Amino acid sequence: MELLIVVLFFALIALASALGLTADSRDSADWKPSHQGARESRW
């Protein structure tokens, strides 16, 4: 029963994503370069 719920959940998320109902909440800070944990200067 739990497996059915998990599969249904992921199917609903995939459907919502395909319909454009989801949003990416990440910003570019997730992949900006850093130097030992501190964000590097732009130039």
PDB file of N, CA and C in Angstrom:
ATOM      1  N   MET A   1       0.821  -1.196   0.000  1.00  0.00           N
ATOM      2  CA  MET A   1       0.000   0.000   0.000  1.00  0.00           C
ATOM      3  C   MET A   1       0.866   1.261   0.000  1.00  0.00           C
ATOM      4  N   GLU A   2       1.959   1.227   0.787  1.00  0.00           N
ATOM      5  CA  GLU A   2       2.828   2.400   0.841  1.00  0.00           C
ATOM      6  C   GLU A   2       3.481   2.664  -0.517  1.00  0.00           C
ATOM      7  N   LEU A   3       3.830   1.576  -1.212  1.00  0.00           N
ATOM      8  CA  LEU A   3       4.458   1.727  -2.527  1.00  0.00           C
ATOM      9  C   LEU A   3       3.503   2.410  -3.501  1.00  0.00           C
ATOM     10  N   LEU A   4       2.237   2.068  -3.444  1.00  0.00           N
ATOM     11  CA  LEU A   4       1.239   2.699  -4.304  1.00  0.00           C
ATOM     12  C   LEU A   4       1.132   4.193  -4.017  1.00  0.00           C
ATOM     13  N   ILE A   5       1.169   4.557  -2.765  1.00  0.00           N
ATOM     14  CA  ILE A   5       1.099   5.976  -2.384  1.00  0.00           C
ATOM     15  C   ILE A   5       2.316   6.732  -2.890  1.00  0.00           C
ATOM     16  N   VAL A   6       3.493   6.139  -2.758  1.00  0.00           N
ATOM     17  CA  VAL A   6       4.731   6.783  -3.220  1.00  0.00           C
ATOM     18  C   VAL A   6       4.714   6.946  -4.735  1.00  0.00           C
ATOM     19  N   VAL A   7       4.305   5.916  -5.448  1.00  0.00           N
ATOM     20  CA  VAL A   7       4.236   5.986  -6.908  1.00  0.00           C
ATOM     21  C   VAL A   7       3.218   7.034  -7.335  1.00  0.00           C
ATOM     22  N   LEU A   8       2.074   7.085  -6.687  1.00  0.00           N
ATOM     23  CA  LEU A   8       1.052   8.081  -7.002  1.00  0.00           C
ATOM     24  C   LEU A   8       1.571   9.490  -6.737  1.00  0.00           C
ATOM     25  N   PHE A   9       2.286   9.679  -5.644  1.00  0.00           N
ATOM     26  CA  PHE A   9       2.856  10.981  -5.315  1.00  0.00           C
ATOM     27  C   PHE A   9       3.809  11.458  -6.403  1.00  0.00           C
ATOM     28  N   PHE A  10       4.725  10.580  -6.814  1.00  0.00           N
ATOM     29  CA  PHE A  10       5.681  10.961  -7.849  1.00  0.00           C
ATOM     30  C   PHE A  10       4.996  11.174  -9.194  1.00  0.00           C
ATOM     31  N   ALA A  11       3.966  10.410  -9.480  1.00  0.00           N
ATOM     32  CA  ALA A  11       3.219  10.605 -10.720  1.00  0.00           C
ATOM     33  C   ALA A  11       2.525  11.964 -10.717  1.00  0.00           C
ATOM     34  N   LEU A  12       1.969  12.363  -9.585  1.00  0.00           N
ATOM     35  CA  LEU A  12       1.316  13.673  -9.495  1.00  0.00           C
ATOM     36  C   LEU A  12       2.331  14.805  -9.636  1.00  0.00           C
ATOM     37  N   ILE A  13       3.513  14.647  -9.046  1.00  0.00           N
ATOM     38  CA  ILE A  13       4.552  15.667  -9.177  1.00  0.00           C
ATOM     39  C   ILE A  13       5.016  15.765 -10.625  1.00  0.00           C
ATOM     40  N   ALA A  14       5.188  14.623 -11.287  1.00  0.00           N
ATOM     41  CA  ALA A  14       5.610  14.625 -12.686  1.00  0.00           C
ATOM     42  C   ALA A  14       4.549  15.281 -13.564  1.00  0.00           C
ATOM     43  N   LEU A  15       3.293  15.006 -13.308  1.00  0.00           N
ATOM     44  CA  LEU A  15       2.212  15.607 -14.079  1.00  0.00           C
ATOM     45  C   LEU A  15       2.164  17.120 -13.859  1.00  0.00           C
ATOM     46  N   ALA A  16       2.297  17.555 -12.615  1.00  0.00           N
ATOM     47  CA  ALA A  16       2.297  18.992 -12.322  1.00  0.00           C
ATOM     48  C   ALA A  16       3.477  19.681 -12.986  1.00  0.00           C
ATOM     49  N   SER A  17       4.624  19.022 -13.011  1.00  0.00           N
ATOM     50  CA  SER A  17       5.796  19.593 -13.659  1.00  0.00           C
ATOM     51  C   SER A  17       5.578  19.688 -15.160  1.00  0.00           C
ATOM     52  N   ALA A  18       5.005  18.666 -15.763  1.00  0.00           N
ATOM     53  CA  ALA A  18       4.750  18.670 -17.202  1.00  0.00           C
ATOM     54  C   ALA A  18       3.749  19.755 -17.583  1.00  0.00           C
ATOM     55  N   LEU A  19       2.824  20.061 -16.700  1.00  0.00           N
ATOM     56  CA  LEU A  19       1.829  21.091 -16.974  1.00  0.00           C
ATOM     57  C   LEU A  19       2.329  22.492 -16.622  1.00  0.00           C
ATOM     58  N   GLY A  20       3.542  22.590 -16.071  1.00  0.00           N
ATOM     59  CA  GLY A  20       4.108  23.893 -15.732  1.00  0.00           C
ATOM     60  C   GLY A  20       3.571  24.486 -14.441  1.00  0.00           C
ATOM     61  N   LEU A  21       3.099  23.645 -13.554  1.00  0.00           N
ATOM     62  CA  LEU A  21       2.519  24.121 -12.300  1.00  0.00           C
ATOM     63  C   LEU A  21       3.526  24.181 -11.156  1.00  0.00           C
ATOM     64  N   THR A  22       4.762  23.800 -11.421  1.00  0.00           N
ATOM     65  CA  THR A  22       5.787  23.835 -10.380  1.00  0.00           C
ATOM     66  C   THR A  22       6.749  24.984 -10.652  1.00  0.00           C
ATOM     67  N   ALA A  23       7.475  25.401  -9.641  1.00  0.00           N
ATOM     68  CA  ALA A  23       8.432  26.498  -9.779  1.00  0.00           C
ATOM     69  C   ALA A  23       9.775  26.064  -9.211  1.00  0.00           C
ATOM     70  N   ASP A  24      10.836  26.515  -9.837  1.00  0.00           N
ATOM     71  CA  ASP A  24      12.185  26.252  -9.353  1.00  0.00           C
ATOM     72  C   ASP A  24      12.548  27.368  -8.384  1.00  0.00           C
ATOM     73  N   SER A  25      12.683  27.036  -7.115  1.00  0.00           N
ATOM     74  CA  SER A  25      12.932  28.063  -6.098  1.00  0.00           C
ATOM     75  C   SER A  25      14.420  28.351  -5.912  1.00  0.00           C
ATOM     76  N   ARG A  26      15.279  27.637  -6.640  1.00  0.00           N
ATOM     77  CA  ARG A  26      16.708  27.883  -6.493  1.00  0.00           C
ATOM     78  C   ARG A  26      17.087  29.185  -7.182  1.00  0.00           C
ATOM     79  N   ASP A  27      18.127  29.801  -6.699  1.00  0.00           N
ATOM     80  CA  ASP A  27      18.662  30.969  -7.397  1.00  0.00           C
ATOM     81  C   ASP A  27      20.070  30.624  -7.868  1.00  0.00           C
ATOM     82  N   SER A  28      20.708  31.532  -8.520  1.00  0.00           N
ATOM     83  CA  SER A  28      22.014  31.223  -9.092  1.00  0.00           C
ATOM     84  C   SER A  28      23.081  30.997  -8.032  1.00  0.00           C
ATOM     85  N   ALA A  29      22.796  31.308  -6.783  1.00  0.00           N
ATOM     86  CA  ALA A  29      23.779  31.098  -5.720  1.00  0.00           C
ATOM     87  C   ALA A  29      24.066  29.610  -5.528  1.00  0.00           C
ATOM     88  N   ASP A  30      23.176  28.754  -6.007  1.00  0.00           N
ATOM     89  CA  ASP A  30      23.381  27.320  -5.839  1.00  0.00           C
ATOM     90  C   ASP A  30      24.566  26.803  -6.638  1.00  0.00           C
ATOM     91  N   TRP A  31      24.948  27.503  -7.677  1.00  0.00           N
ATOM     92  CA  TRP A  31      26.039  26.994  -8.503  1.00  0.00           C
ATOM     93  C   TRP A  31      27.108  28.030  -8.808  1.00  0.00           C
ATOM     94  N   LYS A  32      27.126  29.127  -8.076  1.00  0.00           N
ATOM     95  CA  LYS A  32      28.190  30.115  -8.269  1.00  0.00           C
ATOM     96  C   LYS A  32      29.497  29.586  -7.685  1.00  0.00           C
ATOM     97  N   PRO A  33      30.618  29.942  -8.292  1.00  0.00           N
ATOM     98  CA  PRO A  33      31.893  29.447  -7.790  1.00  0.00           C
ATOM     99  C   PRO A  33      32.219  29.997  -6.398  1.00  0.00           C
ATOM    100  N   SER A  34      32.888  29.194  -5.613  1.00  0.00           N
ATOM    101  CA  SER A  34      33.296  29.636  -4.284  1.00  0.00           C
ATOM    102  C   SER A  34      34.735  29.201  -4.041  1.00  0.00           C
ATOM    103  N   HIS A  35      35.343  29.849  -3.082  1.00  0.00           N
ATOM    104  CA  HIS A  35      36.699  29.514  -2.695  1.00  0.00           C
ATOM    105  C   HIS A  35      36.695  29.201  -1.213  1.00  0.00           C
ATOM    106  N   GLN A  36      36.810  27.920  -0.867  1.00  0.00           N
ATOM    107  CA  GLN A  36      36.760  27.446   0.507  1.00  0.00           C
ATOM    108  C   GLN A  36      35.508  27.919   1.228  1.00  0.00           C
ATOM    109  N   GLY A  37      34.372  27.860   0.528  1.00  0.00           N
ATOM    110  CA  GLY A  37      33.090  28.193   1.131  1.00  0.00           C
ATOM    111  C   GLY A  37      32.683  29.644   1.006  1.00  0.00           C
ATOM    112  N   ALA A  38      33.613  30.529   0.664  1.00  0.00           N
ATOM    113  CA  ALA A  38      33.282  31.942   0.500  1.00  0.00           C
ATOM    114  C   ALA A  38      33.078  32.229  -0.985  1.00  0.00           C
ATOM    115  N   ARG A  39      32.033  32.963  -1.306  1.00  0.00           N
ATOM    116  CA  ARG A  39      31.745  33.258  -2.701  1.00  0.00           C
ATOM    117  C   ARG A  39      32.848  34.126  -3.305  1.00  0.00           C
ATOM    118  N   GLU A  40      33.300  33.727  -4.469  1.00  0.00           N
ATOM    119  CA  GLU A  40      34.362  34.475  -5.142  1.00  0.00           C
ATOM    120  C   GLU A  40      33.814  35.757  -5.740  1.00  0.00           C
ATOM    121  N   SER A  41      34.700  36.736  -5.898  1.00  0.00           N
ATOM    122  CA  SER A  41      34.264  37.982  -6.516  1.00  0.00           C
ATOM    123  C   SER A  41      33.957  37.751  -7.979  1.00  0.00           C
ATOM    124  N   ARG A  42      33.147  38.608  -8.539  1.00  0.00           N
ATOM    125  CA  ARG A  42      32.715  38.433  -9.918  1.00  0.00           C
ATOM    126  C   ARG A  42      33.875  38.637 -10.879  1.00  0.00           C
ATOM    127  N   TRP A  43      34.785  39.540 -10.612  1.00  0.00           N
ATOM    128  CA  TRP A  43      35.864  39.845 -11.551  1.00  0.00           C
ATOM    129  C   TRP A  43      37.138  39.355 -10.982  1.00  0.00           C
TER     130      TRP A  43
END
